[in-house]
């Protein structure tokens, strides 16, 4: 499968697909962590830590699901997921959590507040935009999600 564009790097389409895949896992974990932390009244730092941990868990799990289906054994699937997603998830989590923490009142707004949900959606959109060119660069060099594509 050719993932390169006309200039030898990864195409923007492939990078967007990889970033969307990463965003899906991150968003599941991020939203779940923020909801659980907010519902339990956890401190902001504890809520962010929970959201980050769950984002990594779900991000890796989505990748592993695909490579396990492709026939890789569990240990190899985990290695592929770590190689494919660690940088992308780390960047996405750094950006989206920095954005949501920086929005005044967002973390304390509560689950029924539009500010909470709007800030969370905005933070994930910003994270996608920042992570997209990084994923394109990595895929163009055979890293990141390019590692996963070798197993499909």
N, C-alpha and C. Protein backbone atom coordinates (compact mmCIF):
# COMPACT_ATOMS: atom_id res chain seq x y z
N UNK A 1 0.85 -1.17 0.00
CA UNK A 1 0.00 0.00 0.00
C UNK A 1 0.90 1.25 0.00
N UNK A 2 0.72 2.13 -0.96
CA UNK A 2 1.53 3.34 -1.07
C UNK A 2 0.92 4.45 -0.24
N UNK A 3 1.68 4.96 0.71
CA UNK A 3 1.20 6.03 1.59
C UNK A 3 1.91 7.33 1.32
N UNK A 4 2.61 7.41 0.21
CA UNK A 4 3.37 8.61 -0.05
C UNK A 4 2.63 9.54 -0.99
N UNK A 5 2.96 10.80 -0.87
CA UNK A 5 2.42 11.81 -1.76
C UNK A 5 3.39 12.02 -2.91
N UNK A 6 3.16 13.04 -3.69
CA UNK A 6 3.96 13.31 -4.86
C UNK A 6 5.41 13.67 -4.50
N UNK A 7 5.64 14.16 -3.31
CA UNK A 7 6.97 14.61 -2.92
C UNK A 7 7.71 13.60 -2.06
N UNK A 8 7.26 12.35 -2.02
CA UNK A 8 7.97 11.31 -1.29
C UNK A 8 7.61 11.20 0.17
N UNK A 9 6.87 12.16 0.72
CA UNK A 9 6.42 12.08 2.10
C UNK A 9 5.06 11.43 2.15
N UNK A 10 4.53 11.30 3.33
CA UNK A 10 3.19 10.73 3.48
C UNK A 10 2.17 11.71 2.93
N UNK A 11 1.10 11.19 2.38
CA UNK A 11 0.03 12.06 1.89
C UNK A 11 -0.73 12.64 3.08
N UNK A 12 -1.33 13.78 2.87
CA UNK A 12 -2.14 14.40 3.92
C UNK A 12 -3.34 13.52 4.24
N UNK A 13 -3.87 12.83 3.24
CA UNK A 13 -5.04 11.96 3.46
C UNK A 13 -4.68 10.82 4.41
N UNK A 14 -3.56 10.19 4.17
CA UNK A 14 -3.12 9.09 5.04
C UNK A 14 -2.83 9.61 6.45
N UNK A 15 -2.17 10.76 6.51
CA UNK A 15 -1.87 11.35 7.82
C UNK A 15 -3.15 11.72 8.56
N UNK A 16 -4.13 12.23 7.83
CA UNK A 16 -5.41 12.58 8.46
C UNK A 16 -6.13 11.33 8.98
N UNK A 17 -6.07 10.25 8.22
CA UNK A 17 -6.69 9.00 8.67
C UNK A 17 -6.00 8.49 9.93
N UNK A 18 -4.69 8.54 9.96
CA UNK A 18 -3.94 8.09 11.14
C UNK A 18 -4.25 8.97 12.34
N UNK A 19 -4.32 10.28 12.10
CA UNK A 19 -4.60 11.22 13.18
C UNK A 19 -6.03 11.04 13.67
N UNK A 20 -6.95 10.79 12.77
CA UNK A 20 -8.35 10.54 13.16
C UNK A 20 -8.43 9.27 14.02
N UNK A 21 -7.69 8.25 13.62
CA UNK A 21 -7.66 7.00 14.39
C UNK A 21 -7.13 7.28 15.80
N UNK A 22 -6.05 8.05 15.88
CA UNK A 22 -5.47 8.41 17.17
C UNK A 22 -6.46 9.24 17.99
N UNK A 23 -7.09 10.19 17.33
CA UNK A 23 -8.07 11.04 18.02
C UNK A 23 -9.22 10.22 18.58
N UNK A 24 -9.63 9.20 17.87
CA UNK A 24 -10.74 8.37 18.34
C UNK A 24 -10.40 7.73 19.69
N UNK A 25 -9.26 7.06 19.76
CA UNK A 25 -8.85 6.44 21.02
C UNK A 25 -8.62 7.47 22.11
N UNK A 26 -7.95 8.56 21.75
CA UNK A 26 -7.69 9.62 22.73
C UNK A 26 -9.00 10.23 23.24
N UNK A 27 -9.91 10.49 22.33
CA UNK A 27 -11.17 11.12 22.72
C UNK A 27 -11.99 10.21 23.63
N UNK A 28 -12.02 8.93 23.33
CA UNK A 28 -12.75 8.00 24.20
C UNK A 28 -12.17 8.08 25.62
N UNK A 29 -10.86 7.94 25.74
CA UNK A 29 -10.22 7.99 27.05
C UNK A 29 -10.31 9.35 27.70
N UNK A 30 -10.11 10.39 26.92
CA UNK A 30 -10.14 11.76 27.45
C UNK A 30 -11.52 12.10 27.99
N UNK A 31 -12.55 11.84 27.19
CA UNK A 31 -13.91 12.15 27.62
C UNK A 31 -14.28 11.31 28.84
N UNK A 32 -13.99 10.03 28.79
CA UNK A 32 -14.29 9.15 29.92
C UNK A 32 -13.57 9.61 31.18
N UNK A 33 -12.29 9.93 31.06
CA UNK A 33 -11.52 10.41 32.21
C UNK A 33 -12.06 11.72 32.77
N UNK A 34 -12.38 12.64 31.89
CA UNK A 34 -12.92 13.93 32.34
C UNK A 34 -14.29 13.76 33.00
N UNK A 35 -15.11 12.91 32.43
CA UNK A 35 -16.44 12.66 33.01
C UNK A 35 -16.31 11.99 34.38
N UNK A 36 -15.50 10.96 34.47
CA UNK A 36 -15.33 10.26 35.74
C UNK A 36 -14.73 11.20 36.79
N UNK A 37 -13.65 11.88 36.43
CA UNK A 37 -13.00 12.79 37.37
C UNK A 37 -13.91 13.91 37.83
N UNK A 38 -14.67 14.48 36.90
CA UNK A 38 -15.59 15.57 37.25
C UNK A 38 -16.74 15.05 38.10
N UNK A 39 -17.30 13.91 37.72
CA UNK A 39 -18.42 13.33 38.47
C UNK A 39 -18.02 12.96 39.90
N UNK A 40 -16.78 12.51 40.07
CA UNK A 40 -16.30 12.13 41.40
C UNK A 40 -15.76 13.31 42.19
N UNK A 41 -15.70 14.47 41.55
CA UNK A 41 -15.19 15.65 42.23
C UNK A 41 -13.70 15.62 42.47
N UNK A 42 -12.97 14.90 41.60
CA UNK A 42 -11.52 14.83 41.76
C UNK A 42 -10.89 16.19 41.49
N UNK A 43 -9.73 16.41 42.06
CA UNK A 43 -8.95 17.61 41.79
C UNK A 43 -8.64 17.65 40.28
N UNK A 44 -8.45 18.84 39.74
CA UNK A 44 -8.17 18.99 38.32
C UNK A 44 -7.00 18.16 37.84
N UNK A 45 -5.92 18.13 38.62
CA UNK A 45 -4.73 17.37 38.23
C UNK A 45 -5.02 15.87 38.19
N UNK A 46 -5.79 15.39 39.14
CA UNK A 46 -6.14 13.96 39.16
C UNK A 46 -7.05 13.62 37.98
N UNK A 47 -7.95 14.52 37.65
CA UNK A 47 -8.84 14.31 36.51
C UNK A 47 -8.04 14.26 35.22
N UNK A 48 -7.10 15.18 35.06
CA UNK A 48 -6.25 15.20 33.86
C UNK A 48 -5.42 13.92 33.79
N UNK A 49 -4.84 13.49 34.91
CA UNK A 49 -4.03 12.27 34.92
C UNK A 49 -4.87 11.05 34.53
N UNK A 50 -6.08 10.97 35.05
CA UNK A 50 -6.98 9.87 34.69
C UNK A 50 -7.32 9.92 33.21
N UNK A 51 -7.62 11.10 32.70
CA UNK A 51 -7.95 11.25 31.28
C UNK A 51 -6.78 10.84 30.39
N UNK A 52 -5.58 11.21 30.77
CA UNK A 52 -4.39 10.85 29.98
C UNK A 52 -4.17 9.35 30.01
N UNK A 53 -4.27 8.75 31.19
CA UNK A 53 -4.08 7.29 31.29
C UNK A 53 -5.10 6.55 30.43
N UNK A 54 -6.35 6.97 30.49
CA UNK A 54 -7.39 6.31 29.70
C UNK A 54 -7.22 6.57 28.20
N UNK A 55 -6.73 7.74 27.84
CA UNK A 55 -6.48 8.04 26.43
C UNK A 55 -5.41 7.11 25.87
N UNK A 56 -4.33 6.93 26.61
CA UNK A 56 -3.30 5.99 26.17
C UNK A 56 -3.85 4.57 26.08
N UNK A 57 -4.61 4.16 27.09
CA UNK A 57 -5.18 2.81 27.10
C UNK A 57 -6.05 2.58 25.87
N UNK A 58 -7.00 3.48 25.63
CA UNK A 58 -7.91 3.28 24.50
C UNK A 58 -7.22 3.48 23.16
N UNK A 59 -6.26 4.39 23.10
CA UNK A 59 -5.51 4.57 21.86
C UNK A 59 -4.75 3.31 21.47
N UNK A 60 -4.03 2.75 22.44
CA UNK A 60 -3.30 1.51 22.17
C UNK A 60 -4.27 0.36 21.89
N UNK A 61 -5.36 0.30 22.61
CA UNK A 61 -6.32 -0.79 22.44
C UNK A 61 -6.92 -0.79 21.03
N UNK A 62 -7.22 0.37 20.48
CA UNK A 62 -7.77 0.42 19.12
C UNK A 62 -6.76 -0.09 18.10
N UNK A 63 -5.52 0.28 18.26
CA UNK A 63 -4.49 -0.20 17.34
C UNK A 63 -4.28 -1.70 17.51
N UNK A 64 -4.22 -2.14 18.74
CA UNK A 64 -4.01 -3.57 18.98
C UNK A 64 -5.15 -4.42 18.43
N UNK A 65 -6.36 -3.90 18.50
CA UNK A 65 -7.50 -4.64 17.96
C UNK A 65 -7.28 -4.97 16.49
N UNK A 66 -6.82 -3.97 15.74
CA UNK A 66 -6.59 -4.18 14.31
C UNK A 66 -5.45 -5.13 14.01
N UNK A 67 -4.33 -4.98 14.71
CA UNK A 67 -3.18 -5.83 14.41
C UNK A 67 -3.38 -7.25 14.96
N UNK A 68 -4.15 -7.40 16.02
CA UNK A 68 -4.48 -8.75 16.49
C UNK A 68 -5.36 -9.46 15.46
N UNK A 69 -6.29 -8.71 14.87
CA UNK A 69 -7.13 -9.27 13.81
C UNK A 69 -6.30 -9.68 12.60
N UNK A 70 -5.19 -8.99 12.38
CA UNK A 70 -4.31 -9.30 11.26
C UNK A 70 -3.46 -10.54 11.54
N UNK A 71 -3.55 -11.07 12.77
CA UNK A 71 -2.86 -12.32 13.09
C UNK A 71 -1.61 -12.19 13.93
N UNK A 72 -1.27 -11.00 14.38
CA UNK A 72 -0.09 -10.86 15.22
C UNK A 72 -0.36 -11.40 16.62
N UNK A 73 0.64 -12.02 17.23
CA UNK A 73 0.47 -12.46 18.61
C UNK A 73 0.41 -11.23 19.54
N UNK A 74 -0.11 -11.43 20.72
CA UNK A 74 -0.36 -10.33 21.66
C UNK A 74 0.89 -9.49 21.94
N UNK A 75 1.99 -10.11 22.24
CA UNK A 75 3.21 -9.36 22.57
C UNK A 75 3.67 -8.51 21.39
N UNK A 76 3.63 -9.06 20.20
CA UNK A 76 4.03 -8.31 18.99
C UNK A 76 3.01 -7.19 18.71
N UNK A 77 1.74 -7.46 18.92
CA UNK A 77 0.71 -6.44 18.71
C UNK A 77 0.93 -5.26 19.65
N UNK A 78 1.31 -5.55 20.89
CA UNK A 78 1.59 -4.48 21.85
C UNK A 78 2.78 -3.65 21.40
N UNK A 79 3.83 -4.31 20.92
CA UNK A 79 5.01 -3.58 20.42
C UNK A 79 4.65 -2.69 19.23
N UNK A 80 3.83 -3.20 18.35
CA UNK A 80 3.40 -2.42 17.18
C UNK A 80 2.59 -1.21 17.64
N UNK A 81 1.67 -1.42 18.57
CA UNK A 81 0.85 -0.32 19.07
C UNK A 81 1.71 0.75 19.74
N UNK A 82 2.67 0.33 20.53
CA UNK A 82 3.57 1.29 21.18
C UNK A 82 4.37 2.09 20.16
N UNK A 83 4.89 1.40 19.14
CA UNK A 83 5.67 2.08 18.10
C UNK A 83 4.80 3.00 17.26
N UNK A 84 3.58 2.57 16.99
CA UNK A 84 2.70 3.33 16.10
C UNK A 84 2.09 4.55 16.77
N UNK A 85 1.76 4.44 18.04
CA UNK A 85 0.90 5.45 18.66
C UNK A 85 1.51 6.33 19.74
N UNK A 86 2.63 5.96 20.30
CA UNK A 86 3.12 6.68 21.47
C UNK A 86 3.34 8.17 21.21
N UNK A 87 4.03 8.51 20.16
CA UNK A 87 4.29 9.93 19.89
C UNK A 87 2.98 10.67 19.60
N UNK A 88 2.16 10.08 18.77
CA UNK A 88 0.90 10.71 18.39
C UNK A 88 0.00 10.95 19.60
N UNK A 89 -0.16 9.94 20.44
CA UNK A 89 -1.00 10.08 21.63
C UNK A 89 -0.39 11.10 22.59
N UNK A 90 0.92 11.04 22.77
CA UNK A 90 1.58 11.97 23.70
C UNK A 90 1.37 13.42 23.26
N UNK A 91 1.56 13.69 21.98
CA UNK A 91 1.36 15.05 21.48
C UNK A 91 -0.10 15.46 21.64
N UNK A 92 -0.99 14.56 21.26
CA UNK A 92 -2.42 14.87 21.34
C UNK A 92 -2.82 15.15 22.79
N UNK A 93 -2.35 14.36 23.71
CA UNK A 93 -2.70 14.55 25.12
C UNK A 93 -2.09 15.81 25.71
N UNK A 94 -0.85 16.08 25.35
CA UNK A 94 -0.21 17.31 25.82
C UNK A 94 -1.00 18.53 25.36
N UNK A 95 -1.35 18.54 24.09
CA UNK A 95 -2.06 19.69 23.54
C UNK A 95 -3.47 19.80 24.09
N UNK A 96 -4.24 18.71 24.03
CA UNK A 96 -5.64 18.86 24.43
C UNK A 96 -5.79 19.17 25.92
N UNK A 97 -4.94 18.61 26.75
CA UNK A 97 -5.03 18.92 28.18
C UNK A 97 -4.53 20.32 28.49
N UNK A 98 -3.50 20.77 27.79
CA UNK A 98 -3.04 22.15 27.98
C UNK A 98 -4.12 23.15 27.59
N UNK A 99 -4.83 22.85 26.51
CA UNK A 99 -5.90 23.76 26.05
C UNK A 99 -7.05 23.78 27.05
N UNK A 100 -7.52 22.62 27.48
CA UNK A 100 -8.69 22.60 28.36
C UNK A 100 -8.36 23.22 29.73
N UNK A 101 -7.13 23.01 30.21
CA UNK A 101 -6.73 23.60 31.48
C UNK A 101 -6.60 25.13 31.34
N UNK A 102 -6.21 25.58 30.16
CA UNK A 102 -6.02 27.02 29.93
C UNK A 102 -7.33 27.79 29.77
N UNK A 103 -8.41 27.10 29.47
CA UNK A 103 -9.70 27.78 29.30
C UNK A 103 -10.29 28.04 30.68
N UNK A 104 -10.42 29.30 31.04
CA UNK A 104 -10.91 29.64 32.39
C UNK A 104 -12.26 29.00 32.72
N UNK A 105 -12.28 28.28 33.83
CA UNK A 105 -13.51 27.68 34.34
C UNK A 105 -13.93 26.38 33.70
N UNK A 106 -13.23 25.92 32.65
CA UNK A 106 -13.66 24.71 31.95
C UNK A 106 -13.61 23.47 32.82
N UNK A 107 -12.53 23.31 33.57
CA UNK A 107 -12.38 22.11 34.39
C UNK A 107 -13.37 22.08 35.55
N UNK A 108 -13.79 23.23 36.00
CA UNK A 108 -14.71 23.30 37.14
C UNK A 108 -16.15 23.48 36.71
N UNK A 109 -16.41 23.52 35.43
CA UNK A 109 -17.75 23.86 34.93
C UNK A 109 -18.80 22.81 35.25
N UNK A 110 -18.43 21.57 35.32
CA UNK A 110 -19.41 20.51 35.60
C UNK A 110 -19.93 19.87 34.32
N UNK A 111 -20.46 18.68 34.48
CA UNK A 111 -20.88 17.87 33.33
C UNK A 111 -22.09 18.41 32.58
N UNK A 112 -22.86 19.26 33.20
CA UNK A 112 -24.05 19.79 32.51
C UNK A 112 -23.79 21.14 31.85
N UNK A 113 -22.57 21.63 31.96
CA UNK A 113 -22.25 22.97 31.44
C UNK A 113 -21.75 22.90 30.00
N UNK A 114 -22.25 23.79 29.19
CA UNK A 114 -21.79 23.89 27.80
C UNK A 114 -20.31 24.24 27.75
N UNK A 115 -19.82 25.02 28.71
CA UNK A 115 -18.41 25.38 28.76
C UNK A 115 -17.53 24.13 28.85
N UNK A 116 -17.91 23.20 29.70
CA UNK A 116 -17.15 21.96 29.87
C UNK A 116 -17.05 21.21 28.54
N UNK A 117 -18.18 20.95 27.92
CA UNK A 117 -18.23 20.17 26.68
C UNK A 117 -17.64 20.93 25.51
N UNK A 118 -17.88 22.23 25.45
CA UNK A 118 -17.31 23.03 24.37
C UNK A 118 -15.79 23.10 24.46
N UNK A 119 -15.29 23.28 25.68
CA UNK A 119 -13.84 23.33 25.87
C UNK A 119 -13.20 21.99 25.54
N UNK A 120 -13.85 20.91 25.92
CA UNK A 120 -13.33 19.58 25.63
C UNK A 120 -13.30 19.33 24.12
N UNK A 121 -14.38 19.67 23.43
CA UNK A 121 -14.42 19.49 21.97
C UNK A 121 -13.37 20.37 21.28
N UNK A 122 -13.26 21.62 21.72
CA UNK A 122 -12.28 22.53 21.14
C UNK A 122 -10.86 22.03 21.37
N UNK A 123 -10.59 21.52 22.59
CA UNK A 123 -9.24 21.05 22.90
C UNK A 123 -8.86 19.85 22.03
N UNK A 124 -9.82 18.98 21.75
CA UNK A 124 -9.54 17.83 20.89
C UNK A 124 -9.33 18.26 19.44
N UNK A 125 -10.08 19.27 18.99
CA UNK A 125 -9.89 19.79 17.62
C UNK A 125 -8.50 20.42 17.46
N UNK A 126 -8.08 21.18 18.46
CA UNK A 126 -6.75 21.78 18.41
C UNK A 126 -5.69 20.68 18.42
N UNK A 127 -5.88 19.67 19.25
CA UNK A 127 -4.92 18.56 19.31
C UNK A 127 -4.81 17.85 17.96
N UNK A 128 -5.94 17.66 17.28
CA UNK A 128 -5.92 17.05 15.95
C UNK A 128 -5.07 17.89 15.00
N UNK A 129 -5.32 19.20 15.00
CA UNK A 129 -4.61 20.10 14.08
C UNK A 129 -3.10 20.11 14.34
N UNK A 130 -2.71 20.04 15.58
CA UNK A 130 -1.28 20.05 15.92
C UNK A 130 -0.64 18.70 15.59
N UNK A 131 -1.36 17.62 15.83
CA UNK A 131 -0.81 16.27 15.65
C UNK A 131 -0.75 15.86 14.18
N UNK A 132 -1.63 16.37 13.35
CA UNK A 132 -1.69 15.99 11.94
C UNK A 132 -0.34 16.14 11.21
N UNK A 133 0.31 17.29 11.24
CA UNK A 133 1.59 17.38 10.52
C UNK A 133 2.69 16.51 11.14
N UNK A 134 2.62 16.27 12.43
CA UNK A 134 3.60 15.39 13.07
C UNK A 134 3.42 13.96 12.57
N UNK A 135 2.16 13.52 12.49
CA UNK A 135 1.89 12.18 11.98
C UNK A 135 2.31 12.06 10.51
N UNK A 136 2.07 13.11 9.74
CA UNK A 136 2.47 13.08 8.33
C UNK A 136 3.99 12.92 8.22
N UNK A 137 4.72 13.67 9.02
CA UNK A 137 6.17 13.60 9.01
C UNK A 137 6.64 12.19 9.41
N UNK A 138 6.04 11.63 10.47
CA UNK A 138 6.47 10.31 10.94
C UNK A 138 6.14 9.22 9.93
N UNK A 139 4.94 9.24 9.37
CA UNK A 139 4.55 8.22 8.39
C UNK A 139 5.46 8.29 7.17
N UNK A 140 5.80 9.50 6.75
CA UNK A 140 6.70 9.67 5.61
C UNK A 140 8.09 9.10 5.84
N UNK A 141 8.44 8.88 7.08
CA UNK A 141 9.73 8.30 7.43
C UNK A 141 9.61 6.85 7.92
N UNK A 142 8.45 6.25 7.68
CA UNK A 142 8.25 4.85 8.04
C UNK A 142 7.98 4.61 9.51
N UNK A 143 7.62 5.67 10.24
CA UNK A 143 7.36 5.55 11.67
C UNK A 143 5.89 5.84 11.95
N UNK A 144 5.51 5.82 13.21
CA UNK A 144 4.13 6.11 13.58
C UNK A 144 3.19 5.08 12.98
N UNK A 145 2.12 5.53 12.40
CA UNK A 145 1.12 4.61 11.87
C UNK A 145 1.60 3.82 10.67
N UNK A 146 2.73 4.20 10.08
CA UNK A 146 3.30 3.40 9.01
C UNK A 146 3.66 2.00 9.52
N UNK A 147 4.01 1.91 10.80
CA UNK A 147 4.33 0.63 11.42
C UNK A 147 3.11 -0.29 11.40
N UNK A 148 1.93 0.28 11.64
CA UNK A 148 0.69 -0.50 11.65
C UNK A 148 0.36 -0.98 10.24
N UNK A 149 0.55 -0.12 9.26
CA UNK A 149 0.16 -0.45 7.88
C UNK A 149 0.95 -1.62 7.33
N UNK A 150 2.11 -1.89 7.88
CA UNK A 150 2.90 -3.04 7.43
C UNK A 150 2.20 -4.36 7.77
N UNK A 151 1.27 -4.31 8.70
CA UNK A 151 0.61 -5.54 9.17
C UNK A 151 -0.80 -5.71 8.64
N UNK A 152 -1.20 -4.84 7.72
CA UNK A 152 -2.55 -4.96 7.14
C UNK A 152 -2.45 -5.49 5.73
